[in-house]
């Protein structure tokens, strides 16, 4: 595959749609030389989109469980998915997308009130 200048971002998005795992996506990006062609903001945005794709597929119960994990003060080391755990910001964004009550709080935290549960205070940084 030959990539024309300026096509890096669009190519990365197409690769992401086709990838089954983050490792597969990263391998494709490296093989095509896109890791170095994308700027830092684009790489962060791609990771955010990947997280959003994963959390959109979660059931409501799984979304609540993941939010509760971060709200309880646990981190990636304690999460069943380890370093592949969805970022709290992606989880909060999905809760907002589903119409759940969310509100930003001081100190980089967000309160999320699942429809059938107690409010959770989720940190936005790990």
Protein backbone atom coordinates (compact mmCIF):
# COMPACT_ATOMS: atom_id res chain seq x y z
CA UNK A 1 0.00 0.00 0.00
CA UNK A 2 1.40 3.40 -1.00
CA UNK A 3 0.36 6.29 1.21
CA UNK A 4 0.22 9.76 -0.29
CA UNK A 5 1.26 12.72 1.89
CA UNK A 6 -1.65 13.94 3.97
CA UNK A 7 -3.37 10.57 3.79
CA UNK A 8 -1.80 9.25 7.01
CA UNK A 9 -4.74 10.06 9.26
CA UNK A 10 -7.36 8.63 6.90
CA UNK A 11 -5.29 5.50 6.41
CA UNK A 12 -4.88 5.10 10.18
CA UNK A 13 -8.67 5.37 10.61
CA UNK A 14 -9.29 2.74 7.93
CA UNK A 15 -6.76 0.42 9.57
CA UNK A 16 -8.45 0.95 12.94
CA UNK A 17 -11.84 -0.02 11.53
CA UNK A 18 -10.38 -3.26 10.16
CA UNK A 19 -8.25 -4.18 13.20
CA UNK A 20 -9.50 -6.74 15.68
CA UNK A 21 -7.03 -5.83 18.42
CA UNK A 22 -4.91 -2.85 19.42
CA UNK A 23 -1.80 -4.93 18.77
CA UNK A 24 -2.97 -5.66 15.23
CA UNK A 25 -3.61 -1.97 14.62
CA UNK A 26 -0.24 -0.98 16.03
CA UNK A 27 1.50 -3.60 13.89
CA UNK A 28 -0.23 -2.31 10.74
CA UNK A 29 0.67 1.28 11.63
CA UNK A 30 4.31 0.34 12.21
CA UNK A 31 4.52 -1.78 9.04
CA UNK A 32 3.29 1.15 6.95
CA UNK A 33 5.48 3.71 8.73
CA UNK A 34 2.48 5.57 10.10
CA UNK A 35 3.54 5.68 13.74
CA UNK A 36 6.21 8.23 12.91
CA UNK A 37 4.06 9.95 10.25
CA UNK A 38 1.27 10.76 12.72
CA UNK A 39 1.87 13.61 15.13
CA UNK A 40 1.43 13.20 18.88
CA UNK A 41 -2.09 14.65 18.86
CA UNK A 42 -3.12 12.26 16.10
CA UNK A 43 -1.69 9.27 17.97
CA UNK A 44 -3.56 10.30 21.13
CA UNK A 45 -6.75 10.82 19.13
CA UNK A 46 -6.39 7.38 17.57
CA UNK A 47 -6.01 5.80 21.03
CA UNK A 48 -9.08 7.72 22.23
CA UNK A 49 -11.11 6.54 19.25
CA UNK A 50 -9.98 2.98 19.91
CA UNK A 51 -11.14 3.24 23.54
CA UNK A 52 -14.45 4.75 22.46
CA UNK A 53 -15.01 1.90 20.02
CA UNK A 54 -14.46 -0.62 22.80
CA UNK A 55 -16.65 1.01 25.41
CA UNK A 56 -19.51 1.54 22.96
CA UNK A 57 -19.76 -2.25 22.75
CA UNK A 58 -20.09 -2.67 26.54
CA UNK A 59 -23.42 -3.62 28.07
CA UNK A 60 -24.82 -1.17 30.61
CA UNK A 61 -23.78 -3.56 33.40
CA UNK A 62 -20.21 -3.83 32.07
CA UNK A 63 -20.02 -0.05 31.73
CA UNK A 64 -21.12 0.35 35.37
CA UNK A 65 -18.58 -2.27 36.50
CA UNK A 66 -15.75 -0.47 34.71
CA UNK A 67 -16.79 2.92 36.06
CA UNK A 68 -17.04 1.44 39.58
CA UNK A 69 -13.54 0.00 39.22
CA UNK A 70 -12.01 3.45 38.68
CA UNK A 71 -14.36 5.12 41.19
CA UNK A 72 -13.16 2.74 43.91
CA UNK A 73 -9.59 3.96 43.46
CA UNK A 74 -8.30 0.90 41.65
CA UNK A 75 -5.98 1.20 38.67
CA UNK A 76 -4.87 -0.69 35.60
CA UNK A 77 -2.87 -3.19 37.67
CA UNK A 78 -6.05 -4.36 39.40
CA UNK A 79 -8.27 -4.31 36.30
CA UNK A 80 -8.98 -7.68 34.63
CA UNK A 81 -7.75 -6.23 31.30
CA UNK A 82 -4.62 -4.70 32.81
CA UNK A 83 -3.02 -2.10 30.56
CA UNK A 84 -5.81 -2.71 28.01
CA UNK A 85 -8.45 -1.42 30.44
CA UNK A 86 -10.62 1.32 28.97
CA UNK A 87 -9.64 4.81 30.05
CA UNK A 88 -12.02 6.44 32.54
CA UNK A 89 -12.60 9.37 30.16
CA UNK A 90 -13.86 7.00 27.47
CA UNK A 91 -16.19 5.34 29.97
CA UNK A 92 -17.58 8.69 31.12
CA UNK A 93 -18.04 9.80 27.50
CA UNK A 94 -20.01 6.61 26.79
CA UNK A 95 -22.17 7.13 29.88
CA UNK A 96 -22.91 10.65 28.64
CA UNK A 97 -23.67 9.29 25.16
CA UNK A 98 -26.17 6.85 26.70
CA UNK A 99 -27.94 9.73 28.41
CA UNK A 100 -26.78 8.98 31.92
CA UNK A 101 -26.37 11.92 34.25
CA UNK A 102 -22.75 13.10 34.28
CA UNK A 103 -21.24 16.25 35.74
CA UNK A 104 -17.63 17.42 35.89
CA UNK A 105 -16.35 18.09 39.37
CA UNK A 106 -13.30 20.03 40.55
CA UNK A 107 -10.05 18.11 40.68
CA UNK A 108 -10.43 16.22 37.42
CA UNK A 109 -13.31 14.03 38.51
CA UNK A 110 -16.75 13.34 37.10
CA UNK A 111 -19.87 12.15 38.84
CA UNK A 112 -21.75 9.52 36.85
CA UNK A 113 -25.19 8.34 37.90
CA UNK A 114 -26.11 5.07 36.15
CA UNK A 115 -29.87 4.68 35.63
CA UNK A 116 -30.21 1.80 38.10
CA UNK A 117 -27.33 2.43 40.46
CA UNK A 118 -25.66 4.73 42.90
CA UNK A 119 -23.66 7.76 41.76
CA UNK A 120 -19.98 7.11 41.09
CA UNK A 121 -17.16 9.65 41.25
CA UNK A 122 -14.70 8.74 38.51
CA UNK A 123 -11.23 10.27 38.15
CA UNK A 124 -10.35 11.46 34.66
CA UNK A 125 -6.65 10.78 35.05
CA UNK A 126 -4.98 7.53 35.94
